[in-house]
């Protein structure tokens, strides 16, 4: 299994929207699991009365995926900056 560096992870989480492929990378999970995560978040958004962009590839807000996975965006940012300084 391939692990992402903090810099690679940071580049992904800086995007406002994330697809299944991005979820797979940050959660290190199968496509099916990533689809389930996306669908769960999508249902939460729709149940709250909001809409999502209607496009061929489904996207959800990255911030909600980070919350769902209990990932600390601030910590990832700090570690990415330290990693960048070491290069």
Protein backbone atom coordinates (compact mmCIF):
# COMPACT_ATOMS: atom_id res chain seq x y z
CA UNK A 1 0.00 0.00 0.00
CA UNK A 2 1.33 3.44 -0.94
CA UNK A 3 1.43 6.09 1.76
CA UNK A 4 1.08 9.78 0.97
CA UNK A 5 3.57 12.30 2.26
CA UNK A 6 2.15 15.20 4.24
CA UNK A 7 2.81 17.47 1.25
CA UNK A 8 0.84 15.19 -1.07
CA UNK A 9 -1.97 14.96 1.47
CA UNK A 10 -1.95 18.74 1.94
CA UNK A 11 -2.32 19.32 -1.81
CA UNK A 12 -5.41 17.09 -1.85
CA UNK A 13 -7.10 18.64 1.18
CA UNK A 14 -6.53 22.20 -0.09
CA UNK A 15 -9.07 21.60 -2.82
CA UNK A 16 -12.60 22.69 -1.84
CA UNK A 17 -14.27 19.63 -3.41
CA UNK A 18 -13.17 16.00 -3.45
CA UNK A 19 -14.11 13.00 -5.57
CA UNK A 20 -13.99 9.28 -4.84
CA UNK A 21 -10.39 9.06 -6.07
CA UNK A 22 -9.33 11.77 -3.61
CA UNK A 23 -11.20 10.08 -0.78
CA UNK A 24 -9.43 6.81 -1.62
CA UNK A 25 -6.05 8.52 -1.38
CA UNK A 26 -6.57 10.25 1.96
CA UNK A 27 -8.50 7.40 3.60
CA UNK A 28 -6.35 4.64 2.04
CA UNK A 29 -9.44 2.58 1.30
CA UNK A 30 -11.09 0.66 -1.51
CA UNK A 31 -13.21 2.29 -4.18
CA UNK A 32 -16.35 0.80 -2.65
CA UNK A 33 -15.55 2.22 0.80
CA UNK A 34 -14.78 5.64 -0.71
CA UNK A 35 -18.13 5.58 -2.55
CA UNK A 36 -19.88 4.73 0.74
CA UNK A 37 -18.14 7.65 2.46
CA UNK A 38 -19.12 10.00 -0.36
CA UNK A 39 -22.72 8.76 -0.35
CA UNK A 40 -23.00 9.19 3.43
CA UNK A 41 -21.78 12.77 3.22
CA UNK A 42 -24.00 13.44 0.20
CA UNK A 43 -27.08 12.21 2.12
CA UNK A 44 -26.19 14.41 5.10
CA UNK A 45 -25.99 17.46 2.84
CA UNK A 46 -29.26 16.69 1.06
CA UNK A 47 -31.05 15.92 4.36
CA UNK A 48 -29.95 19.32 5.69
CA UNK A 49 -31.82 20.95 2.79
CA UNK A 50 -28.81 21.90 0.70
CA UNK A 51 -27.91 20.84 -2.84
CA UNK A 52 -24.73 19.58 -4.45
CA UNK A 53 -23.39 20.49 -7.89
CA UNK A 54 -24.97 18.35 -10.57
CA UNK A 55 -22.16 16.95 -12.72
CA UNK A 56 -20.96 13.67 -14.17
CA UNK A 57 -18.35 13.12 -11.46
CA UNK A 58 -19.83 13.49 -8.00
CA UNK A 59 -17.96 15.72 -5.56
CA UNK A 60 -18.48 16.50 -1.88
CA UNK A 61 -16.88 19.24 0.24
CA UNK A 62 -13.38 18.23 1.35
CA UNK A 63 -13.99 19.78 4.77
CA UNK A 64 -16.83 17.31 5.43
CA UNK A 65 -14.68 14.36 4.38
CA UNK A 66 -11.94 15.47 6.78
CA UNK A 67 -14.53 15.73 9.58
CA UNK A 68 -15.94 12.30 8.70
CA UNK A 69 -12.44 10.75 8.82
CA UNK A 70 -11.50 12.73 11.96
CA UNK A 71 -8.44 14.22 10.27
CA UNK A 72 -6.92 17.41 11.67
CA UNK A 73 -6.39 19.85 8.81
CA UNK A 74 -4.20 22.14 10.94
CA UNK A 75 -1.86 19.28 11.92
CA UNK A 76 -1.55 18.13 8.31
CA UNK A 77 -0.72 21.70 7.27
CA UNK A 78 1.96 22.05 9.95
CA UNK A 79 3.55 18.73 9.07
CA UNK A 80 3.52 19.56 5.34
CA UNK A 81 5.33 22.84 6.02
CA UNK A 82 7.95 21.02 8.12
CA UNK A 83 8.36 18.43 5.37
CA UNK A 84 8.80 21.20 2.80
CA UNK A 85 11.54 22.85 4.90
CA UNK A 86 13.45 19.55 5.06
CA UNK A 87 13.56 19.20 1.28
